C-alpha atoms as a PDB file:
ATOM      1  CA  MET A   1       3.931 -27.754  10.634  1.00  0.00           C
ATOM      2  CA  PRO A   2       3.840 -24.664   8.673  1.00  0.00           C
ATOM      3  CA  ALA A   3       5.949 -21.564  10.002  1.00  0.00           C
ATOM      4  CA  VAL A   4       3.471 -19.046   9.426  1.00  0.00           C
ATOM      5  CA  ARG A   5      -0.297 -20.004   9.623  1.00  0.00           C
ATOM      6  CA  THR A   6      -3.720 -17.998   9.961  1.00  0.00           C
ATOM      7  CA  GLU A   7      -6.954 -18.870  11.872  1.00  0.00           C
ATOM      8  CA  ARG A   8     -10.023 -16.734  10.921  1.00  0.00           C
ATOM      9  CA  ASP A   9     -12.965 -16.277  13.286  1.00  0.00           C
ATOM     10  CA  GLY A  10     -15.364 -14.013  11.482  1.00  0.00           C
ATOM     11  CA  PRO A  11     -13.874 -10.460  10.884  1.00  0.00           C
ATOM     12  CA  VAL A  12     -10.705 -11.327  12.997  1.00  0.00           C
ATOM     13  CA  THR A  13      -7.895 -13.068  11.100  1.00  0.00           C
ATOM     14  CA  THR A  14      -4.979 -14.066  13.692  1.00  0.00           C
ATOM     15  CA  VAL A  15      -1.749 -14.676  11.898  1.00  0.00           C
ATOM     16  CA  ILE A  16       0.389 -17.105  13.979  1.00  0.00           C
ATOM     17  CA  LEU A  17       4.184 -17.039  14.252  1.00  0.00           C
ATOM     18  CA  ASP A  18       4.901 -20.945  14.878  1.00  0.00           C
ATOM     19  CA  ARG A  19       8.379 -21.819  14.932  1.00  0.00           C
ATOM     20  CA  PRO A  20       8.867 -22.184  18.841  1.00  0.00           C
ATOM     21  CA  ALA A  21      11.933 -24.296  18.666  1.00  0.00           C
ATOM     22  CA  VAL A  22      13.804 -21.234  17.594  1.00  0.00           C
ATOM     23  CA  ARG A  23      11.550 -18.777  20.057  1.00  0.00           C
ATOM     24  CA  ASN A  24       9.916 -17.897  16.770  1.00  0.00           C
ATOM     25  CA  ALA A  25      12.977 -16.275  15.085  1.00  0.00           C
ATOM     26  CA  VAL A  26      12.433 -15.603  11.442  1.00  0.00           C
ATOM     27  CA  ASP A  27      14.392 -16.895   8.455  1.00  0.00           C
ATOM     28  CA  ARG A  28      14.221 -15.682   4.675  1.00  0.00           C
ATOM     29  CA  ASP A  29      11.054 -18.156   4.120  1.00  0.00           C
ATOM     30  CA  THR A  30       9.389 -17.191   7.304  1.00  0.00           C
ATOM     31  CA  ALA A  31       9.275 -13.687   6.418  1.00  0.00           C
ATOM     32  CA  ALA A  32       8.033 -14.428   2.925  1.00  0.00           C
ATOM     33  CA  ALA A  33       4.975 -16.145   4.489  1.00  0.00           C
ATOM     34  CA  LEU A  34       4.163 -13.580   7.170  1.00  0.00           C
ATOM     35  CA  ALA A  35       4.489 -10.678   4.307  1.00  0.00           C
ATOM     36  CA  ASP A  36       2.161 -13.135   2.133  1.00  0.00           C
ATOM     37  CA  ALA A  37      -0.397 -13.994   5.239  1.00  0.00           C
ATOM     38  CA  PHE A  38      -0.551 -10.090   5.584  1.00  0.00           C
ATOM     39  CA  ARG A  39      -1.393  -9.717   1.809  1.00  0.00           C
ATOM     40  CA  ALA A  40      -3.820 -11.824   2.196  1.00  0.00           C
ATOM     41  CA  PHE A  41      -5.570 -10.339   5.257  1.00  0.00           C
ATOM     42  CA  ASP A  42      -5.760  -6.957   3.672  1.00  0.00           C
ATOM     43  CA  ALA A  43      -7.036  -8.430   0.459  1.00  0.00           C
ATOM     44  CA  ASP A  44      -9.747  -9.925   2.024  1.00  0.00           C
ATOM     45  CA  ASP A  45     -12.961  -7.719   2.039  1.00  0.00           C
ATOM     46  CA  GLY A  46     -14.293 -10.124   5.008  1.00  0.00           C
ATOM     47  CA  ALA A  47     -11.274  -9.579   7.072  1.00  0.00           C
ATOM     48  CA  ARG A  48     -11.676  -6.579   9.409  1.00  0.00           C
ATOM     49  CA  VAL A  49      -8.689  -6.627  11.844  1.00  0.00           C
ATOM     50  CA  ALA A  50      -5.506  -8.821  12.149  1.00  0.00           C
ATOM     51  CA  VAL A  51      -3.874 -10.248  15.054  1.00  0.00           C
ATOM     52  CA  LEU A  52      -0.331 -11.122  15.133  1.00  0.00           C
ATOM     53  CA  TRP A  53       0.692 -13.843  17.861  1.00  0.00           C
ATOM     54  CA  GLY A  54       3.460 -16.034  18.504  1.00  0.00           C
ATOM     55  CA  ALA A  55       2.924 -19.687  19.406  1.00  0.00           C
ATOM     56  CA  GLY A  56       4.961 -21.226  22.648  1.00  0.00           C
ATOM     57  CA  GLY A  57       5.078 -18.319  24.705  1.00  0.00           C
ATOM     58  CA  THR A  58       7.306 -16.255  22.601  1.00  0.00           C
ATOM     59  CA  PHE A  59       6.396 -13.458  20.166  1.00  0.00           C
ATOM     60  CA  CYS A  60       9.044 -13.198  18.280  1.00  0.00           C
ATOM     61  CA  SER A  61      13.174 -12.963  19.285  1.00  0.00           C
ATOM     62  CA  GLY A  62      14.119 -11.657  15.731  1.00  0.00           C
ATOM     63  CA  ALA A  63      15.941 -12.966  12.835  1.00  0.00           C
ATOM     64  CA  ASP A  64      17.288 -16.314  12.773  1.00  0.00           C
ATOM     65  CA  LEU A  65      21.097 -15.640  13.448  1.00  0.00           C
ATOM     66  CA  LYS A  66      22.103 -19.322  13.073  1.00  0.00           C
ATOM     67  CA  ALA A  67      20.529 -19.311   9.462  1.00  0.00           C
ATOM     68  CA  ILE A  68      22.156 -15.641   8.708  1.00  0.00           C
ATOM     69  CA  ALA A  69      25.603 -16.977   9.958  1.00  0.00           C
ATOM     70  CA  VAL A  70      25.291 -19.941   7.382  1.00  0.00           C
ATOM     71  CA  GLY A  71      24.474 -17.810   4.942  1.00  0.00           C
ATOM     72  CA  ARG A  72      20.837 -18.234   4.406  1.00  0.00           C
ATOM     73  CA  GLY A  73      20.184 -14.850   5.785  1.00  0.00           C
ATOM     74  CA  ASN A  74      16.905 -12.795   5.474  1.00  0.00           C
ATOM     75  CA  ARG A  75      16.266 -11.085   2.381  1.00  0.00           C
ATOM     76  CA  VAL A  76      17.870  -7.243   2.502  1.00  0.00           C
ATOM     77  CA  ALA A  77      17.346  -5.427  -0.685  1.00  0.00           C
ATOM     78  CA  ASP A  78      16.170  -1.584  -1.141  1.00  0.00           C
ATOM     79  CA  ASP A  79      12.575  -3.086  -2.730  1.00  0.00           C
ATOM     80  CA  GLY A  80      10.054  -5.367  -1.987  1.00  0.00           C
ATOM     81  CA  ASP A  81       9.319  -6.579   1.618  1.00  0.00           C
ATOM     82  CA  GLY A  82      11.484  -6.003   4.957  1.00  0.00           C
ATOM     83  CA  PRO A  83      13.824  -8.341   5.964  1.00  0.00           C
ATOM     84  CA  MET A  84      11.393  -9.645   8.981  1.00  0.00           C
ATOM     85  CA  GLY A  85       8.607  -9.818   5.951  1.00  0.00           C
ATOM     86  CA  PRO A  86       5.613  -7.425   6.420  1.00  0.00           C
ATOM     87  CA  THR A  87       7.489  -4.505   7.822  1.00  0.00           C
ATOM     88  CA  ARG A  88       7.481  -2.147   4.800  1.00  0.00           C
ATOM     89  CA  MET A  89       3.893  -2.829   4.112  1.00  0.00           C
ATOM     90  CA  ALA A  90       1.144  -0.512   4.476  1.00  0.00           C
ATOM     91  CA  MET A  91      -1.970  -1.886   5.699  1.00  0.00           C
ATOM     92  CA  SER A  92      -5.479  -0.653   5.083  1.00  0.00           C
ATOM     93  CA  LYS A  93      -6.746  -2.304   8.290  1.00  0.00           C
ATOM     94  CA  PRO A  94      -5.729  -2.461  11.668  1.00  0.00           C
ATOM     95  CA  VAL A  95      -3.084  -5.345  12.934  1.00  0.00           C
ATOM     96  CA  ILE A  96      -2.950  -5.765  16.532  1.00  0.00           C
ATOM     97  CA  ALA A  97       0.310  -7.564  17.966  1.00  0.00           C
ATOM     98  CA  ALA A  98      -0.531  -9.785  21.050  1.00  0.00           C
ATOM     99  CA  VAL A  99       2.978 -10.124  22.855  1.00  0.00           C
ATOM    100  CA  SER A 100       4.029 -12.788  25.290  1.00  0.00           C
ATOM    101  CA  GLY A 101       7.538 -13.784  26.160  1.00  0.00           C
ATOM    102  CA  HIS A 102      10.068 -11.998  24.088  1.00  0.00           C
ATOM    103  CA  ALA A 103       9.518  -9.039  21.401  1.00  0.00           C
ATOM    104  CA  VAL A 104      13.162  -8.237  20.636  1.00  0.00           C
ATOM    105  CA  ALA A 105      15.376  -7.345  17.820  1.00  0.00           C
ATOM    106  CA  GLY A 106      13.568  -7.739  14.904  1.00  0.00           C
ATOM    107  CA  GLY A 107      10.454  -9.140  16.905  1.00  0.00           C
ATOM    108  CA  LEU A 108      10.302  -5.713  18.420  1.00  0.00           C
ATOM    109  CA  GLU A 109      10.014  -4.154  14.969  1.00  0.00           C
ATOM    110  CA  LEU A 110       7.461  -6.484  13.919  1.00  0.00           C
ATOM    111  CA  ALA A 111       5.661  -5.487  17.059  1.00  0.00           C
ATOM    112  CA  LEU A 112       6.119  -1.477  16.262  1.00  0.00           C
ATOM    113  CA  TRP A 113       4.670  -2.370  12.706  1.00  0.00           C
ATOM    114  CA  CYS A 114       1.292  -3.129  14.564  1.00  0.00           C
ATOM    115  CA  ASP A 115      -1.228  -0.662  15.276  1.00  0.00           C
ATOM    116  CA  LEU A 116      -1.835  -1.732  18.813  1.00  0.00           C
ATOM    117  CA  ARG A 117       0.396  -3.867  21.080  1.00  0.00           C
ATOM    118  CA  VAL A 118      -1.338  -5.852  23.994  1.00  0.00           C
ATOM    119  CA  ALA A 119       1.400  -7.698  26.166  1.00  0.00           C
ATOM    120  CA  GLU A 120       1.233 -10.009  29.239  1.00  0.00           C
ATOM    121  CA  ARG A 121       2.676  -9.246  32.436  1.00  0.00           C
ATOM    122  CA  SER A 122       5.804 -11.223  31.860  1.00  0.00           C
ATOM    123  CA  ALA A 123       6.540  -9.937  28.337  1.00  0.00           C
ATOM    124  CA  VAL A 124      10.115  -7.986  27.691  1.00  0.00           C
ATOM    125  CA  PHE A 125      11.029  -6.018  24.880  1.00  0.00           C
ATOM    126  CA  GLY A 126      14.037  -4.587  23.520  1.00  0.00           C
ATOM    127  CA  VAL A 127      16.817  -4.036  21.231  1.00  0.00           C
ATOM    128  CA  PHE A 128      18.707  -7.177  22.032  1.00  0.00           C
ATOM    129  CA  CYS A 129      20.504  -7.349  18.264  1.00  0.00           C
ATOM    130  CA  ARG A 130      22.694  -4.436  19.699  1.00  0.00           C
ATOM    131  CA  ARG A 131      24.929  -6.818  21.272  1.00  0.00           C
ATOM    132  CA  TRP A 132      25.688  -8.862  17.979  1.00  0.00           C
ATOM    133  CA  GLY A 133      25.913  -5.768  16.020  1.00  0.00           C
ATOM    134  CA  VAL A 134      22.820  -6.397  13.998  1.00  0.00           C
ATOM    135  CA  PRO A 135      21.033  -3.327  12.928  1.00  0.00           C
ATOM    136  CA  LEU A 136      17.472  -2.242  13.017  1.00  0.00           C
ATOM    137  CA  ILE A 137      16.451  -2.451   9.058  1.00  0.00           C
ATOM    138  CA  ASP A 138      12.578  -3.413   9.989  1.00  0.00           C
ATOM    139  CA  GLY A 139      11.578   0.150  11.053  1.00  0.00           C
ATOM    140  CA  GLY A 140      12.967   0.350  14.635  1.00  0.00           C
ATOM    141  CA  THR A 141      14.737   3.357  14.134  1.00  0.00           C
ATOM    142  CA  VAL A 142      11.637   5.076  12.539  1.00  0.00           C
ATOM    143  CA  ARG A 143       8.794   3.814  14.431  1.00  0.00           C
ATOM    144  CA  LEU A 144      10.088   3.783  18.048  1.00  0.00           C
ATOM    145  CA  PRO A 145      10.813   7.359  18.170  1.00  0.00           C
ATOM    146  CA  ARG A 146       7.420   8.300  16.459  1.00  0.00           C
ATOM    147  CA  LEU A 147       5.720   6.317  19.150  1.00  0.00           C
ATOM    148  CA  ILE A 148       7.309   6.710  22.374  1.00  0.00           C
ATOM    149  CA  GLY A 149       9.596  10.046  21.349  1.00  0.00           C
ATOM    150  CA  LEU A 150      13.121  10.347  21.033  1.00  0.00           C
ATOM    151  CA  SER A 151      14.727  10.663  23.793  1.00  0.00           C
ATOM    152  CA  ARG A 152      13.377   7.321  25.286  1.00  0.00           C
ATOM    153  CA  ALA A 153      13.880   5.676  21.954  1.00  0.00           C
ATOM    154  CA  LEU A 154      17.644   6.394  21.861  1.00  0.00           C
ATOM    155  CA  ASP A 155      17.804   5.057  25.557  1.00  0.00           C
ATOM    156  CA  LEU A 156      16.450   1.857  24.108  1.00  0.00           C
ATOM    157  CA  ILE A 157      18.189   1.628  20.699  1.00  0.00           C
ATOM    158  CA  LEU A 158      21.942   2.688  22.310  1.00  0.00           C
ATOM    159  CA  THR A 159      21.892   0.643  25.428  1.00  0.00           C
ATOM    160  CA  GLY A 160      19.750  -2.698  24.508  1.00  0.00           C
ATOM    161  CA  ARG A 161      18.064  -3.386  27.388  1.00  0.00           C
ATOM    162  CA  PRO A 162      14.986  -5.102  28.171  1.00  0.00           C
ATOM    163  CA  VAL A 163      12.110  -3.202  28.865  1.00  0.00           C
ATOM    164  CA  SER A 164       9.434  -4.675  31.066  1.00  0.00           C
ATOM    165  CA  ALA A 165       5.547  -4.657  30.238  1.00  0.00           C
ATOM    166  CA  ASP A 166       4.859  -2.176  32.991  1.00  0.00           C
ATOM    167  CA  GLU A 167       7.666   0.096  31.916  1.00  0.00           C
ATOM    168  CA  ALA A 168       6.612  -0.356  28.147  1.00  0.00           C
ATOM    169  CA  LEU A 169       2.900   0.775  28.976  1.00  0.00           C
ATOM    170  CA  ALA A 170       4.358   3.561  31.174  1.00  0.00           C
ATOM    171  CA  ILE A 171       6.039   5.046  28.051  1.00  0.00           C
ATOM    172  CA  GLY A 172       3.139   4.145  25.627  1.00  0.00           C
ATOM    173  CA  LEU A 173       5.181   1.225  23.889  1.00  0.00           C
ATOM    174  CA  VAL A 174       2.179  -1.117  24.447  1.00  0.00           C
ATOM    175  CA  HIS A 175      -1.439  -0.360  24.983  1.00  0.00           C
ATOM    176  CA  ARG A 176      -2.506  -2.958  27.245  1.00  0.00           C
ATOM    177  CA  VAL A 177      -1.097  -5.521  29.822  1.00  0.00           C
ATOM    178  CA  VAL A 178      -3.131  -8.799  30.645  1.00  0.00           C
ATOM    179  CA  ASP A 179      -2.021 -11.550  32.666  1.00  0.00           C
ATOM    180  CA  ASP A 180       0.257 -14.274  31.352  1.00  0.00           C
ATOM    181  CA  GLY A 181      -1.118 -16.648  29.012  1.00  0.00           C
ATOM    182  CA  GLN A 182      -4.117 -14.025  27.814  1.00  0.00           C
ATOM    183  CA  CYS A 183      -2.624 -12.016  25.323  1.00  0.00           C
ATOM    184  CA  ARG A 184      -4.236 -14.023  22.350  1.00  0.00           C
ATOM    185  CA  GLN A 185      -7.499 -14.055  23.903  1.00  0.00           C
ATOM    186  CA  ALA A 186      -7.275 -10.253  24.904  1.00  0.00           C
ATOM    187  CA  ALA A 187      -5.898  -9.104  21.316  1.00  0.00           C
ATOM    188  CA  GLU A 188      -8.926 -11.038  19.325  1.00  0.00           C
ATOM    189  CA  ALA A 189     -11.514  -9.263  21.979  1.00  0.00           C
ATOM    190  CA  LEU A 190      -9.906  -5.906  21.060  1.00  0.00           C
ATOM    191  CA  ALA A 191      -9.820  -6.853  17.328  1.00  0.00           C
ATOM    192  CA  ARG A 192     -13.537  -7.486  17.826  1.00  0.00           C
ATOM    193  CA  GLU A 193     -14.366  -4.361  19.141  1.00  0.00           C
ATOM    194  CA  LEU A 194     -12.598  -2.637  16.559  1.00  0.00           C
ATOM    195  CA  ALA A 195     -14.430  -4.862  13.823  1.00  0.00           C
ATOM    196  CA  ARG A 196     -18.158  -3.701  15.344  1.00  0.00           C
ATOM    197  CA  PHE A 197     -17.384  -0.098  14.130  1.00  0.00           C
ATOM    198  CA  PRO A 198     -18.441   1.484  10.310  1.00  0.00           C
ATOM    199  CA  GLN A 199     -15.046   0.273   8.999  1.00  0.00           C
ATOM    200  CA  ALA A 200     -14.840   2.830   5.827  1.00  0.00           C
ATOM    201  CA  CYS A 201     -15.099   5.451   8.747  1.00  0.00           C
ATOM    202  CA  LEU A 202     -12.269   3.636  11.120  1.00  0.00           C
ATOM    203  CA  ARG A 203     -10.295   3.061   8.129  1.00  0.00           C
ATOM    204  CA  ALA A 204     -10.261   6.850   6.983  1.00  0.00           C
ATOM    205  CA  ASP A 205      -9.553   8.129  10.689  1.00  0.00           C
ATOM    206  CA  ARG A 206      -6.390   5.406  10.684  1.00  0.00           C
ATOM    207  CA  ALA A 207      -5.236   6.434   7.495  1.00  0.00           C
ATOM    208  CA  SER A 208      -5.232  10.284   8.465  1.00  0.00           C
ATOM    209  CA  ALA A 209      -3.478   9.933  11.795  1.00  0.00           C
ATOM    210  CA  TYR A 210      -0.605   7.857   9.768  1.00  0.00           C
ATOM    211  CA  GLU A 211      -0.522  10.215   6.927  1.00  0.00           C
ATOM    212  CA  GLN A 212      -0.414  13.548   9.360  1.00  0.00           C
ATOM    213  CA  ALA A 213       3.184  12.721  10.644  1.00  0.00           C
ATOM    214  CA  GLY A 214       5.023  13.840   7.284  1.00  0.00           C
ATOM    215  CA  LEU A 215       2.414  16.762   6.584  1.00  0.00           C
ATOM    216  CA  PRO A 216       2.872  20.131   7.760  1.00  0.00           C
ATOM    217  CA  LEU A 217      -0.514  21.635   9.390  1.00  0.00           C
ATOM    218  CA  ASP A 218      -2.272  23.025   6.563  1.00  0.00           C
ATOM    219  CA  ARG A 219      -2.012  19.844   4.741  1.00  0.00           C
ATOM    220  CA  ALA A 220      -2.670  17.664   6.914  1.00  0.00           C
ATOM    221  CA  LEU A 221      -5.765  19.051   7.854  1.00  0.00           C
ATOM    222  CA  ALA A 222      -6.608  19.053   4.017  1.00  0.00           C
ATOM    223  CA  ALA A 223      -6.237  15.538   3.920  1.00  0.00           C
ATOM    224  CA  GLU A 224      -8.129  14.808   6.798  1.00  0.00           C
ATOM    225  CA  LEU A 225     -11.213  16.638   5.400  1.00  0.00           C
ATOM    226  CA  ALA A 226     -10.573  14.824   2.190  1.00  0.00           C
ATOM    227  CA  ARG A 227     -10.683  11.350   3.668  1.00  0.00           C
ATOM    228  CA  GLY A 228     -13.591  12.245   5.960  1.00  0.00           C
ATOM    229  CA  ARG A 229     -15.670  13.695   2.976  1.00  0.00           C
ATOM    230  CA  ALA A 230     -15.118  10.203   1.006  1.00  0.00           C
ATOM    231  CA  VAL A 231     -16.672   8.484   3.771  1.00  0.00           C
ATOM    232  CA  LEU A 232     -19.687  10.760   4.844  1.00  0.00           C
ATOM    233  CA  ALA A 233     -22.628   8.456   3.482  1.00  0.00           C
ATOM    234  CA  GLU A 234     -21.575   6.334   6.847  1.00  0.00           C
ATOM    235  CA  ALA A 235     -21.630   9.057   8.754  1.00  0.00           C
ATOM    236  CA  VAL A 236     -25.101  10.198   7.317  1.00  0.00           C
ATOM    237  CA  GLU A 237     -26.182   6.119   8.080  1.00  0.00           C
ATOM    238  CA  GLY A 238     -24.880   6.824  11.536  1.00  0.00           C
ATOM    239  CA  ALA A 239     -26.818  10.051  12.057  1.00  0.00           C
ATOM    240  CA  ARG A 240     -30.298   8.191  10.694  1.00  0.00           C
ATOM    241  CA  ARG A 241     -29.591   5.732  13.205  1.00  0.00           C
ATOM    242  CA  PHE A 242     -29.219   7.886  16.318  1.00  0.00           C
ATOM    243  CA  ALA A 243     -32.043   9.568  15.348  1.00  0.00           C
ATOM    244  CA  GLY A 244     -34.058   6.253  15.629  1.00  0.00           C
ATOM    245  CA  GLY A 245     -32.912   6.020  18.973  1.00  0.00           C
ATOM    246  CA  ALA A 246     -29.720   4.004  18.768  1.00  0.00           C
ATOM    247  CA  GLY A 247     -27.472   4.637  21.605  1.00  0.00           C
ATOM    248  CA  ARG A 248     -30.025   5.780  24.288  1.00  0.00           C
ATOM    249  CA  HIS A 249     -28.650   5.053  27.805  1.00  0.00           C
ATOM    250  CA  GLY A 250     -25.357   3.926  26.442  1.00  0.00           C
ATOM    251  CA  ARG A 251     -26.567   1.034  24.620  1.00  0.00           C
ATOM    252  CA  PHE A 252     -26.299   0.972  20.919  1.00  0.00           C
ATOM    253  CA  ASP A 253     -27.497  -1.596  18.246  1.00  0.00           C
ATOM    254  CA  ASP A 254     -25.661  -4.595  17.204  1.00  0.00           C
ATOM    255  CA  GLU A 255     -25.881  -4.157  13.640  1.00  0.00           C
ATOM    256  CA  GLY A 256     -22.354  -4.243  12.810  1.00  0.00           C
ATOM    257  CA  ALA A 257     -21.860  -6.874  15.244  1.00  0.00           C
ATOM    258  CA  ALA A 258     -24.354  -9.042  13.800  1.00  0.00           C
ATOM    259  CA  HIS A 259     -22.376  -8.697  10.377  1.00  0.00           C
ATOM    260  CA  ALA A 260     -19.271  -9.074  11.707  1.00  0.00           C
ATOM    261  CA  GLU A 261     -20.282 -12.558  13.159  1.00  0.00           C
ATOM    262  CA  ALA A 262     -22.123 -13.780  10.598  1.00  0.00           C
ATOM    263  CA  LEU A 263     -18.687 -13.589   8.406  1.00  0.00           C
ATOM    264  CA  PRO A 264     -16.914 -16.972   7.756  1.00  0.00           C
ATOM    265  CA  SER A 265     -15.020 -18.825  10.401  1.00  0.00           C
ATOM    266  CA  ASP A 266     -11.801 -21.013  10.090  1.00  0.00           C
ATOM    267  CA  ARG A 267     -10.623 -22.050  13.520  1.00  0.00           C
ATOM    268  CA  ASN A 268      -8.676 -25.113  12.112  1.00  0.00           C
ATOM    269  CA  GLY A 269      -6.137 -23.020  10.532  1.00  0.00           C
ATOM    270  CA  SER A 270      -4.839 -22.138   6.950  1.00  0.00           C
ATOM    271  CA  LYS A 271      -1.160 -21.597   5.544  1.00  0.00           C
ATOM    272  CA  GLU A 272      -1.125 -17.928   4.199  1.00  0.00           C
END
């Protein structure tokens, strides 16, 4: 069984981290396979949203410390992919983390890299690498403060303490909490919801939301306008549908859904 495999269900691609014997710890080869899987997703015009899920009840326990201990550590370089794989990639489409069990150390950083996070009630987050002297070098010290604020982020980064799913939801670290055993199903359902929307507009607004963080207000507003103008054709089409009666009584037509469901499906999985 490959350490990383993908399954396609219409517009939704699920990337599966499958090393349950080591709690889905990521070694050098696994990191490369994860990055390749997400590159393939981003390049696939028929794939609209991705889900990252860990098989066997654990999302990811971080880098494979046993591999590092014997000199087979993850790639650490200024260029190319991050040590955990895709964490330096700027995706053009949304990715949702489906978290069961532990998402700790580098596994937390993988979850932070995703746009949205769906967690099971028993899920645990944390900078558990603190106790071993392993630094956060896959975006943890950058994304965590941006997502939950510097004060809360420093608490987690400095103490390395465990964070429950309920606390993660309360501080904005996760977006949905579901019953145990349901995170993949819930994340894929959310992915299908996103896939139903007009995609050019969704991707433009997503890009603007990320881009504004590094810009002064005037430049951020100008960038938002430029991205919006680029997708106005989709807005005109939406206006026509509205004028034609779509959306009355809170009901919308299923044109986008029908297109999404017509896309090819591969539930057997394939290695990327």
